[in-house]
Amino acid sequence: MPGPARPEARPPVPDTSTRESVPDAPEDQLKRSITGRLLFFYVLGDVLGSGIYVLIGAVAGAVGGAFWIAFAVGVSIATITGLAYAELVTKYPRAAGAALYVNKAFRNKALTFLVTISFLSASFAASGSLASGFAKYFAEVWDLPPALLVTILFVLVLSIVNYIGITESVVVNMLMTFVEVAGLVIIMGIGLWYVVEGNAHFGTLTEFTTEGNEIFAVVAGVALAFFAMTGFENAANVAEETIAPKKTFPRALVGGMVAAGVIYVLVAMTAALTVDIPVLADSDAALLEVVREGIIPVPVGVMTILFACIAMIAITNTTLVSVVTQSRILYGMAREDVVPGVFAKIHPERRSPWVGLVFSFVVVAALLVVGDVIVRAGGEDVVSRLATVTVVFLLFIYALVIVSALKLRGQDESEETFRANTGLLLVGLVGNAVLLAYVVIDDPSSLYWVGGLLAIGVGLFVVEYLFGSRDRPAGRERGEPDPTDDLMKGA
């Protein structure tokens, strides 16, 4: 994939990304409509819903009662990575996110293409994992429909919501964030009740159930818990639709991640104090086990149904953001001539990248079907499998984003550009690299799924390479921005 060649110098483009002066965007461009407050909840909701409801049992099983440490370490590494994203977004507030940053830093066609497809693949895998987690909570309310049918319909409905429009999607995201935070507040409230009654044994919070080295146990837990920290990177892909991104992104991104991290640690402590670790580890819906303990004077059956509904809303929240991200990646890179130009098509009325939405739905549905076949054959649970695949992709991308932030220091900066602490970025780089090595060594079979998803991306690139010249204006080379396209002029 060729790096985008810069057109000849042009006069500076006025900043029109304020609330008062946001013009109507051309029909083939995205509209700036996301405020800083909406973006904060977008990040908070995406991070919170992605793993605490789905994988907390697996993390507890890997570490023991001290599994809250894994969440704390994971949040720290992810937040440091978020600082790199915040710095780069203030320089390049455009769709395409990590792929754009790596391309600007290295100008390497193959590497940029790999990052693009890796991020897209991670989003596909995450959607599949979350949809499967949704089906498990759904079964607590109504276990008649087949899980596969529930997951596919779930992704289809979210694709339709995103088709309606980005503003509607983000508002729905914010409303669901309130609900999912309420669910976690219920869990923390149960824990507080338990402590006040004098039943808590705080020694549990320092116990490790592993027979080996405790440090390796924590690393294993962080590798699993890291899926719960992902989601913040999705925010970079709505940069073109954010009002005043240079001001709003750093505060909304880092603020959302820190808030999510505090909640994660408190919820993990509550689960460890109130439920036996083996019970958490064996549960498909681990946070429901806290409710089933009957600690508060409310009928357990009522609380179980209520919390299952809250959990489904939380998972829906994160999956919705993944659906948004997939179509925006395809949109952004179609404009860079990396994938077929059809993915850059915007619906004239809804202003959403509808072709990317349709394609993304088909891929995620295929992953769910394949995963269901494997489970029926006695294979690994779809949730854990696709979560691991997501982490492999994202750890690779995160490390490259940090390197890109360091490499691009001194370029395209202004007084408004956010700059992350260099020492923290280096710590984050090492943390991502160590976790990536551990995951691959511990579960080499995940690379088969990684390879399959990458093959989809390679297929898209081949199609663009062979036929892309047919929809490229005369006189413009592959990867060169259209001089009349405001999206490629920056913000």
Protein backbone atom coordinates (compact mmCIF):
# COMPACT_ATOMS: atom_id res chain seq x y z
CA MET A 1 0.00 0.00 0.00
CA PRO A 2 1.59 3.22 -1.06
CA GLY A 3 1.95 5.95 1.50
CA PRO A 4 -0.14 8.99 0.66
CA ALA A 5 1.96 11.43 -1.32
CA ARG A 6 1.50 14.98 -0.13
CA PRO A 7 0.20 17.43 -2.71
CA GLU A 8 2.03 20.67 -3.31
CA ALA A 9 1.87 23.25 -0.55
CA ARG A 10 -1.47 24.98 -0.19
CA PRO A 11 -2.60 27.93 1.90
CA PRO A 12 -3.56 27.01 5.47
CA VAL A 13 -7.12 25.83 5.90
CA PRO A 14 -9.09 27.81 8.50
CA ASP A 15 -10.13 25.84 11.58
CA THR A 16 -13.90 25.46 11.32
CA SER A 17 -14.20 22.80 13.99
CA THR A 18 -15.88 24.88 16.68
CA ARG A 19 -19.47 24.55 17.80
CA GLU A 20 -20.43 27.95 16.44
CA SER A 21 -18.89 27.63 13.00
CA VAL A 22 -19.34 24.08 11.85
CA PRO A 23 -20.47 24.27 8.23
CA ASP A 24 -22.49 21.66 6.44
CA ALA A 25 -19.97 19.11 5.16
CA PRO A 26 -19.96 18.09 1.50
CA GLU A 27 -21.97 15.00 0.72
CA ASP A 28 -18.88 12.77 0.52
CA GLN A 29 -17.44 13.87 3.88
CA LEU A 30 -18.18 13.16 7.52
CA LYS A 31 -19.85 15.78 9.70
CA ARG A 32 -18.34 17.26 12.89
CA SER A 33 -21.02 16.73 15.54
CA ILE A 34 -19.36 14.97 18.53
CA THR A 35 -18.75 17.24 21.53
CA GLY A 36 -16.06 16.69 24.17
CA ARG A 37 -18.64 15.46 26.66
CA LEU A 38 -20.05 12.95 24.20
CA LEU A 39 -16.52 11.79 23.41
CA PHE A 40 -15.75 11.26 27.12
CA PHE A 41 -18.74 8.96 27.50
CA TYR A 42 -17.91 7.34 24.16
CA VAL A 43 -14.50 6.33 25.57
CA LEU A 44 -15.80 5.47 29.04
CA GLY A 45 -18.64 3.35 27.70
CA ASP A 46 -16.47 1.57 25.17
CA VAL A 47 -13.80 0.62 27.71
CA LEU A 48 -16.20 -0.33 30.50
CA GLY A 49 -18.41 -2.62 28.48
CA SER A 50 -15.69 -4.48 26.62
CA GLY A 51 -14.42 -6.89 29.26
CA ILE A 52 -15.51 -6.42 32.83
CA TYR A 53 -18.85 -8.06 32.02
CA VAL A 54 -17.34 -10.71 29.76
CA LEU A 55 -13.90 -11.87 30.91
CA ILE A 56 -13.62 -11.11 34.62
CA GLY A 57 -14.05 -14.79 35.48
CA ALA A 58 -11.19 -15.84 33.22
CA VAL A 59 -8.88 -13.25 34.80
CA ALA A 60 -9.82 -14.43 38.29
CA GLY A 61 -9.04 -18.01 37.32
CA ALA A 62 -5.61 -17.05 36.01
CA VAL A 63 -4.50 -15.06 39.06
CA GLY A 64 -6.63 -15.76 42.12
CA GLY A 65 -8.06 -13.32 44.64
CA ALA A 66 -5.43 -10.75 43.72
CA PHE A 67 -6.72 -10.55 40.16
CA TRP A 68 -7.60 -6.88 40.69
CA ILE A 69 -3.86 -6.25 40.31
CA ALA A 70 -4.06 -7.53 36.74
CA PHE A 71 -6.75 -4.96 35.97
CA ALA A 72 -4.74 -2.18 37.63
CA VAL A 73 -1.61 -3.02 35.63
CA GLY A 74 -3.58 -3.40 32.41
CA VAL A 75 -5.30 -0.05 32.87
CA SER A 76 -1.93 1.62 33.51
CA ILE A 77 -0.36 0.27 30.33
CA ALA A 78 -3.43 1.08 28.26
CA THR A 79 -3.66 4.62 29.65
CA ILE A 80 -0.02 5.28 28.76
CA THR A 81 -0.79 4.09 25.25
CA GLY A 82 -3.78 6.42 25.27
CA LEU A 83 -1.39 9.33 25.87
CA ALA A 84 0.35 8.51 22.58
CA TYR A 85 -3.01 8.46 20.80
CA ALA A 86 -3.95 11.80 22.38
CA GLU A 87 -0.73 13.38 21.12
CA LEU A 88 -1.17 12.08 17.60
CA VAL A 89 -4.86 12.94 17.37
CA THR A 90 -4.09 16.59 18.16
CA LYS A 91 -1.72 16.57 15.20
CA TYR A 92 -3.80 14.52 12.77
CA PRO A 93 -7.52 14.57 13.72
CA ARG A 94 -8.66 12.33 10.87
CA ALA A 95 -10.28 8.97 10.33
CA ALA A 96 -7.95 5.95 9.92
CA GLY A 97 -6.31 6.36 13.35
CA ALA A 98 -3.27 4.15 13.92
CA ALA A 99 -2.78 3.44 10.21
CA LEU A 100 -2.47 7.16 9.51
CA TYR A 101 0.04 7.66 12.33
CA VAL A 102 2.25 4.75 11.30
CA ASN A 103 2.13 5.86 7.68
CA LYS A 104 3.27 9.36 8.59
CA ALA A 105 6.03 8.05 10.85
CA PHE A 106 7.51 5.35 8.61
CA ARG A 107 6.23 6.02 5.08
CA ASN A 108 6.35 2.27 4.60
CA LYS A 109 3.59 0.87 2.39
CA ALA A 110 3.68 -2.67 3.71
CA LEU A 111 3.79 -1.65 7.37
CA THR A 112 0.94 0.82 7.02
CA PHE A 113 -1.16 -1.78 5.24
CA LEU A 114 -0.41 -4.33 7.97
CA VAL A 115 -1.45 -1.91 10.71
CA THR A 116 -4.63 -0.98 8.87
CA ILE A 117 -5.75 -4.54 8.40
CA SER A 118 -4.63 -5.55 11.90
CA PHE A 119 -6.77 -2.86 13.47
CA LEU A 120 -9.72 -3.73 11.30
CA SER A 121 -9.27 -7.41 12.13
CA ALA A 122 -9.04 -6.64 15.85
CA SER A 123 -12.33 -4.79 15.64
CA PHE A 124 -13.96 -7.72 13.82
CA ALA A 125 -12.69 -10.20 16.44
CA ALA A 126 -13.78 -7.95 19.32
CA SER A 127 -17.28 -7.65 17.90
CA GLY A 128 -17.52 -11.42 17.63
CA SER A 129 -16.30 -11.95 21.20
CA LEU A 130 -18.66 -9.36 22.63
CA ALA A 131 -21.62 -10.67 20.64
CA SER A 132 -20.98 -14.13 22.08
CA GLY A 133 -20.80 -12.65 25.58
CA PHE A 134 -24.09 -10.88 24.94
CA ALA A 135 -25.73 -14.19 24.03
CA LYS A 136 -24.64 -15.73 27.36
CA TYR A 137 -26.30 -13.00 29.39
CA PHE A 138 -29.31 -13.12 27.05
CA ALA A 139 -29.73 -16.80 27.90
CA GLU A 140 -30.23 -15.82 31.55
CA VAL A 141 -33.37 -13.96 30.48
CA TRP A 142 -34.58 -16.17 27.62
CA ASP A 143 -32.74 -19.34 26.70
CA LEU A 144 -34.97 -20.45 23.83
CA PRO A 145 -33.31 -18.81 20.78
CA PRO A 146 -30.07 -20.46 19.58
CA ALA A 147 -27.02 -18.48 20.70
CA LEU A 148 -25.77 -18.14 17.12
CA LEU A 149 -29.03 -16.55 16.00
CA VAL A 150 -28.91 -14.13 18.93
CA THR A 151 -25.36 -13.04 18.12
CA ILE A 152 -25.99 -12.46 14.40
CA LEU A 153 -29.21 -10.50 15.00
CA PHE A 154 -27.39 -8.51 17.67
CA VAL A 155 -24.66 -7.37 15.26
CA LEU A 156 -27.23 -6.68 12.53
CA VAL A 157 -29.27 -4.35 14.76
CA LEU A 158 -26.16 -2.39 15.75
CA SER A 159 -25.15 -2.03 12.11
CA ILE A 160 -28.56 -0.55 11.37
CA VAL A 161 -28.23 1.91 14.28
CA ASN A 162 -24.90 3.08 12.92
CA TYR A 163 -26.36 3.39 9.43
CA ILE A 164 -28.91 5.85 10.79
CA GLY A 165 -26.07 8.21 11.70
CA ILE A 166 -22.96 8.83 13.85
CA THR A 167 -24.60 11.43 16.10
CA GLU A 168 -27.45 9.05 16.86
CA SER A 169 -24.93 6.25 17.49
CA VAL A 170 -22.90 8.34 19.94
CA VAL A 171 -25.99 9.57 21.80
CA VAL A 172 -27.21 5.98 22.14
CA ASN A 173 -23.71 5.08 23.31
CA MET A 174 -23.84 7.77 26.01
CA LEU A 175 -27.24 6.63 27.28
CA MET A 176 -26.09 3.03 27.46
CA THR A 177 -22.96 4.17 29.33
CA PHE A 178 -25.16 5.48 32.14
CA VAL A 179 -26.90 2.10 32.34
CA GLU A 180 -23.71 0.04 32.36
CA VAL A 181 -22.12 2.29 35.00
CA ALA A 182 -25.28 1.79 37.05
CA GLY A 183 -24.75 -1.97 36.79
CA LEU A 184 -21.20 -1.68 38.07
CA VAL A 185 -22.38 0.65 40.85
CA ILE A 186 -24.78 -2.12 41.89
CA ILE A 187 -21.86 -4.55 42.10
CA MET A 188 -19.78 -2.09 44.11
CA GLY A 189 -22.79 -1.38 46.33
CA ILE A 190 -23.14 -5.10 47.05
CA GLY A 191 -19.46 -5.19 47.97
CA LEU A 192 -19.81 -2.19 50.29
CA TRP A 193 -22.83 -3.81 51.97
CA TYR A 194 -20.79 -6.99 52.45
CA VAL A 195 -17.90 -5.06 54.00
CA VAL A 196 -20.13 -3.03 56.33
CA GLU A 197 -21.73 -6.23 57.60
CA GLY A 198 -18.25 -7.38 58.58
CA ASN A 199 -18.21 -10.46 56.34
CA ALA A 200 -15.29 -9.49 54.08
CA HIS A 201 -11.94 -11.24 54.37
CA PHE A 202 -9.50 -8.76 52.89
CA GLY A 203 -6.70 -11.32 52.85
CA THR A 204 -8.40 -12.72 49.73
CA LEU A 205 -7.19 -9.67 47.79
CA THR A 206 -3.56 -10.79 48.19
CA GLU A 207 -4.05 -14.48 47.40
CA PHE A 208 -2.66 -16.14 44.27
CA THR A 209 -4.02 -19.52 43.21
CA THR A 210 -1.25 -20.21 40.73
CA GLU A 211 1.32 -22.88 41.51
CA GLY A 212 4.08 -21.05 39.66
CA ASN A 213 5.66 -17.62 39.88
CA GLU A 214 3.23 -14.94 41.04
CA ILE A 215 4.64 -12.41 38.58
CA PHE A 216 3.86 -14.72 35.68
CA ALA A 217 0.37 -15.20 37.10
CA VAL A 218 -0.18 -11.44 37.03
CA VAL A 219 1.19 -11.23 33.48
CA ALA A 220 -1.23 -13.98 32.44
CA GLY A 221 -4.07 -12.08 34.09
CA VAL A 222 -3.07 -8.81 32.44
CA ALA A 223 -2.97 -10.55 29.05
CA LEU A 224 -6.58 -11.60 29.55
CA ALA A 225 -7.69 -8.39 31.24
CA PHE A 226 -6.18 -6.26 28.50
CA PHE A 227 -9.19 -7.01 26.33
CA ALA A 228 -11.21 -5.07 28.89
CA MET A 229 -8.91 -2.05 28.46
CA THR A 230 -9.28 -1.84 24.71
CA GLY A 231 -11.73 0.45 23.03
CA PHE A 232 -10.09 3.80 23.66
CA GLU A 233 -8.30 3.52 20.30
CA ASN A 234 -11.67 3.56 18.57
CA ALA A 235 -12.07 7.21 19.52
CA ALA A 236 -9.27 8.20 17.12
CA ASN A 237 -11.39 6.99 14.23
CA VAL A 238 -14.13 9.52 14.86
CA ALA A 239 -11.66 12.43 14.94
CA GLU A 240 -13.08 13.91 11.74
CA GLU A 241 -16.50 13.99 13.37
CA THR A 242 -15.39 15.65 16.62
CA ILE A 243 -15.81 19.35 17.37
CA ALA A 244 -12.48 21.08 18.22
CA PRO A 245 -10.54 17.78 18.44
CA LYS A 246 -7.23 19.38 19.50
CA LYS A 247 -8.85 20.61 22.69
CA THR A 248 -11.31 17.86 23.45
CA PHE A 249 -9.44 14.67 22.61
CA PRO A 250 -6.69 14.58 25.28
CA ARG A 251 -9.06 15.35 28.13
CA ALA A 252 -11.87 13.08 26.95
CA LEU A 253 -9.58 10.16 26.04
CA VAL A 254 -7.39 10.08 29.14
CA GLY A 255 -10.23 11.10 31.45
CA GLY A 256 -12.45 8.31 30.18
CA MET A 257 -9.72 5.71 30.60
CA VAL A 258 -8.80 6.76 34.15
CA ALA A 259 -12.45 6.73 35.19
CA ALA A 260 -12.89 3.26 33.69
CA GLY A 261 -9.73 2.02 35.41
CA VAL A 262 -10.89 3.07 38.88
CA ILE A 263 -14.24 1.38 38.34
CA TYR A 264 -12.56 -1.80 37.07
CA VAL A 265 -10.35 -2.17 40.12
CA LEU A 266 -13.21 -1.58 42.56
CA VAL A 267 -15.47 -4.07 40.78
CA ALA A 268 -12.68 -6.69 40.69
CA MET A 269 -12.13 -6.28 44.43
CA THR A 270 -15.84 -6.65 45.09
CA ALA A 271 -16.04 -9.85 43.05
CA ALA A 272 -13.01 -11.31 44.83
CA LEU A 273 -14.40 -10.50 48.29
CA THR A 274 -17.93 -11.79 47.74
CA VAL A 275 -17.59 -14.88 45.53
CA ASP A 276 -15.26 -17.88 45.71
CA ILE A 277 -12.61 -17.61 43.00
CA PRO A 278 -13.35 -21.09 41.53
CA VAL A 279 -17.00 -20.07 41.10
CA LEU A 280 -15.98 -16.89 39.27
CA ALA A 281 -13.54 -18.79 37.07
CA ASP A 282 -16.14 -21.37 35.99
CA SER A 283 -18.97 -18.92 35.29
CA ASP A 284 -20.01 -17.80 31.79
CA ALA A 285 -21.41 -14.59 33.32
CA ALA A 286 -19.12 -14.00 36.29
CA LEU A 287 -20.56 -10.73 37.61
CA LEU A 288 -23.94 -12.42 37.93
CA GLU A 289 -22.37 -14.62 40.60
CA VAL A 290 -21.98 -11.55 42.81
CA VAL A 291 -25.71 -10.90 42.50
CA ARG A 292 -26.57 -14.56 43.12
CA GLU A 293 -24.84 -14.49 46.49
CA GLY A 294 -27.97 -12.80 47.84
CA ILE A 295 -26.02 -10.32 49.95
CA ILE A 296 -28.53 -7.46 49.70
CA PRO A 297 -32.19 -7.84 50.80
CA VAL A 298 -33.64 -8.03 47.29
CA PRO A 299 -35.02 -11.24 45.69
CA VAL A 300 -32.16 -12.96 43.88
CA GLY A 301 -34.32 -13.85 40.88
CA VAL A 302 -35.30 -10.23 40.33
CA MET A 303 -31.71 -9.02 40.70
CA THR A 304 -30.43 -11.72 38.33
CA ILE A 305 -32.79 -10.69 35.53
CA LEU A 306 -32.16 -6.98 36.14
CA PHE A 307 -28.41 -7.36 36.12
CA ALA A 308 -28.43 -9.61 33.05
CA CYS A 309 -30.30 -6.85 31.19
CA ILE A 310 -27.81 -4.25 32.38
CA ALA A 311 -24.92 -6.46 31.28
CA MET A 312 -26.45 -6.85 27.82
CA ILE A 313 -26.76 -3.08 27.52
CA ALA A 314 -23.12 -2.68 28.56
CA ILE A 315 -21.92 -5.18 25.97
CA THR A 316 -24.15 -3.57 23.37
CA ASN A 317 -22.48 -0.25 24.11
CA THR A 318 -18.99 -1.51 23.35
CA THR A 319 -20.03 -3.52 20.32
CA LEU A 320 -21.75 -0.48 18.87
CA VAL A 321 -18.46 1.43 19.03
CA SER A 322 -16.68 -1.47 17.32
CA VAL A 323 -19.23 -1.37 14.50
CA VAL A 324 -18.67 2.38 14.16
CA THR A 325 -14.91 1.83 14.03
CA GLN A 326 -14.94 -0.85 11.35
CA SER A 327 -16.79 1.25 8.81
CA ARG A 328 -14.66 4.34 9.60
CA ILE A 329 -11.41 2.43 9.07
CA LEU A 330 -12.62 1.17 5.72
CA TYR A 331 -13.80 4.67 4.83
CA GLY A 332 -10.53 6.32 5.79
CA MET A 333 -8.29 3.87 4.01
CA ALA A 334 -10.46 3.75 0.89
CA ARG A 335 -9.65 7.44 0.53
CA GLU A 336 -5.96 6.47 0.71
CA ASP A 337 -6.40 3.89 -2.10
CA VAL A 338 -5.61 0.98 0.23
CA VAL A 339 -8.94 -0.79 -0.13
CA PRO A 340 -11.51 -0.47 -2.93
CA GLY A 341 -12.99 3.01 -3.34
CA VAL A 342 -16.53 1.70 -2.84
CA PHE A 343 -15.87 1.72 0.92
CA ALA A 344 -15.58 5.52 0.81
CA LYS A 345 -19.19 5.88 -0.31
CA ILE A 346 -21.32 7.95 2.06
CA HIS A 347 -25.09 7.58 2.11
CA PRO A 348 -26.47 10.87 0.74
CA GLU A 349 -29.11 11.24 3.45
CA ARG A 350 -27.78 9.39 6.50
CA ARG A 351 -24.16 10.47 5.88
CA SER A 352 -22.87 7.08 7.03
CA PRO A 353 -20.34 4.81 5.25
CA TRP A 354 -22.95 2.19 4.43
CA VAL A 355 -20.84 -0.10 2.24
CA GLY A 356 -18.33 -0.55 5.06
CA LEU A 357 -21.16 -1.33 7.46
CA VAL A 358 -22.53 -4.08 5.23
CA PHE A 359 -19.12 -5.63 4.66
CA SER A 360 -18.27 -5.52 8.37
CA PHE A 361 -21.52 -7.24 9.30
CA VAL A 362 -20.82 -10.07 6.85
CA VAL A 363 -17.29 -10.64 8.23
CA VAL A 364 -18.37 -10.64 11.90
CA ALA A 365 -21.28 -12.96 11.12
CA ALA A 366 -18.86 -15.34 9.40
CA LEU A 367 -16.58 -15.31 12.48
CA LEU A 368 -19.54 -16.17 14.69
CA VAL A 369 -20.56 -19.05 12.45
CA VAL A 370 -17.02 -20.46 12.40
CA GLY A 371 -16.73 -20.06 16.16
CA ASP A 372 -20.04 -21.84 16.70
CA VAL A 373 -18.88 -24.77 14.59
CA ILE A 374 -15.67 -25.02 16.61
CA VAL A 375 -17.52 -24.93 19.92
CA ARG A 376 -19.90 -27.67 18.78
CA ALA A 377 -16.87 -29.75 17.87
CA GLY A 378 -15.56 -29.43 21.42
CA GLY A 379 -13.23 -26.51 20.83
CA GLU A 380 -12.47 -23.43 22.92
CA ASP A 381 -15.13 -20.94 23.95
CA VAL A 382 -15.69 -18.27 21.29
CA VAL A 383 -15.52 -15.38 23.76
CA SER A 384 -12.02 -16.23 25.04
CA ARG A 385 -10.72 -17.21 21.61
CA LEU A 386 -11.74 -14.03 19.83
CA ALA A 387 -10.71 -11.91 22.82
CA THR A 388 -7.19 -13.36 22.59
CA VAL A 389 -7.06 -12.68 18.87
CA THR A 390 -8.13 -9.09 19.50
CA VAL A 391 -5.38 -8.61 22.09
CA VAL A 392 -2.69 -9.96 19.74
CA PHE A 393 -3.63 -7.45 17.06
CA LEU A 394 -3.98 -4.50 19.40
CA LEU A 395 -0.77 -5.00 21.37
CA PHE A 396 1.14 -4.97 18.07
CA ILE A 397 -0.66 -1.80 17.00
CA TYR A 398 -0.27 -0.05 20.35
CA ALA A 399 3.48 -0.58 20.36
CA LEU A 400 3.76 0.87 16.86
CA VAL A 401 1.60 3.87 17.77
CA ILE A 402 3.90 4.72 20.69
CA VAL A 403 6.95 4.44 18.43
CA SER A 404 5.19 6.63 15.86
CA ALA A 405 4.43 9.29 18.48
CA LEU A 406 8.10 9.42 19.46
CA LYS A 407 9.29 9.42 15.86
CA LEU A 408 6.96 12.26 14.83
CA ARG A 409 8.08 14.58 17.64
CA GLY A 410 8.71 18.05 16.27
CA GLN A 411 6.57 17.55 13.18
CA ASP A 412 3.18 19.13 12.44
CA GLU A 413 3.03 20.67 15.91
CA SER A 414 1.35 23.85 17.08
CA GLU A 415 0.70 25.53 20.40
CA GLU A 416 -2.42 23.39 20.79
CA THR A 417 -0.62 20.08 20.26
CA PHE A 418 -0.69 17.78 23.29
CA ARG A 419 2.66 16.18 24.20
CA ALA A 420 2.84 13.01 26.30
CA ASN A 421 5.64 12.34 28.79
CA THR A 422 8.49 10.56 26.97
CA GLY A 423 9.44 8.35 29.92
CA LEU A 424 5.87 7.11 30.29
CA LEU A 425 5.69 6.31 26.59
CA LEU A 426 8.82 4.17 26.85
CA VAL A 427 7.32 2.28 29.80
CA GLY A 428 4.17 1.73 27.78
CA LEU A 429 6.19 0.46 24.82
CA VAL A 430 7.95 -2.15 26.95
CA GLY A 431 4.67 -3.17 28.59
CA ASN A 432 2.93 -3.74 25.27
CA ALA A 433 5.88 -5.70 23.87
CA VAL A 434 6.11 -7.99 26.92
CA LEU A 435 2.39 -8.74 26.87
CA LEU A 436 2.41 -9.45 23.13
CA ALA A 437 5.28 -11.91 23.49
CA TYR A 438 3.55 -13.66 26.37
CA VAL A 439 0.21 -14.04 24.58
CA VAL A 440 1.78 -15.47 21.42
CA ILE A 441 4.03 -17.89 23.32
CA ASP A 442 1.23 -18.97 25.65
CA ASP A 443 -1.35 -19.47 22.89
CA PRO A 444 0.31 -19.96 19.48
CA SER A 445 -2.95 -21.31 17.98
CA SER A 446 -4.33 -17.77 18.08
CA LEU A 447 -2.06 -17.01 15.15
CA TYR A 448 -4.26 -19.17 12.88
CA TRP A 449 -7.19 -16.84 13.51
CA VAL A 450 -4.89 -13.86 13.08
CA GLY A 451 -3.77 -15.20 9.72
CA GLY A 452 -7.33 -15.81 8.56
CA LEU A 453 -8.43 -12.27 9.33
CA LEU A 454 -5.32 -10.80 7.71
CA ALA A 455 -6.14 -12.80 4.58
CA ILE A 456 -9.41 -10.86 4.27
CA GLY A 457 -7.44 -7.63 4.26
CA VAL A 458 -4.98 -8.91 1.73
CA GLY A 459 -7.90 -9.81 -0.52
CA LEU A 460 -9.23 -6.25 -0.32
CA PHE A 461 -5.82 -4.85 -1.16
CA VAL A 462 -5.44 -7.15 -4.15
CA VAL A 463 -8.83 -6.04 -5.48
CA GLU A 464 -7.86 -2.39 -5.09
CA TYR A 465 -4.45 -2.98 -6.66
CA LEU A 466 -5.92 -4.69 -9.73
CA PHE A 467 -9.02 -2.59 -10.27
CA GLY A 468 -8.57 0.59 -8.25
CA SER A 469 -7.29 2.66 -11.17
CA ARG A 470 -10.74 2.54 -12.73
CA ASP A 471 -12.23 4.89 -10.10
CA ARG A 472 -9.15 7.13 -9.65
CA PRO A 473 -9.24 10.58 -11.27
CA ALA A 474 -6.92 11.03 -14.23
CA GLY A 475 -3.54 12.44 -13.27
CA ARG A 476 -3.66 11.33 -9.61
CA GLU A 477 -1.32 8.56 -8.49
CA ARG A 478 -2.26 5.71 -6.16
CA GLY A 479 -2.36 6.92 -2.55
CA GLU A 480 -2.09 10.60 -3.47
CA PRO A 481 -4.79 12.70 -1.78
CA ASP A 482 -7.30 14.55 -3.90
CA PRO A 483 -6.19 18.24 -3.81
CA THR A 484 -9.85 19.29 -3.61
CA ASP A 485 -10.58 17.02 -0.64
CA ASP A 486 -10.73 18.94 2.63
CA LEU A 487 -10.42 15.71 4.60
CA MET A 488 -6.88 15.32 3.39
CA LYS A 489 -5.90 18.89 4.27
CA GLY A 490 -5.99 18.34 7.99
CA ALA A 491 -8.02 20.03 10.70
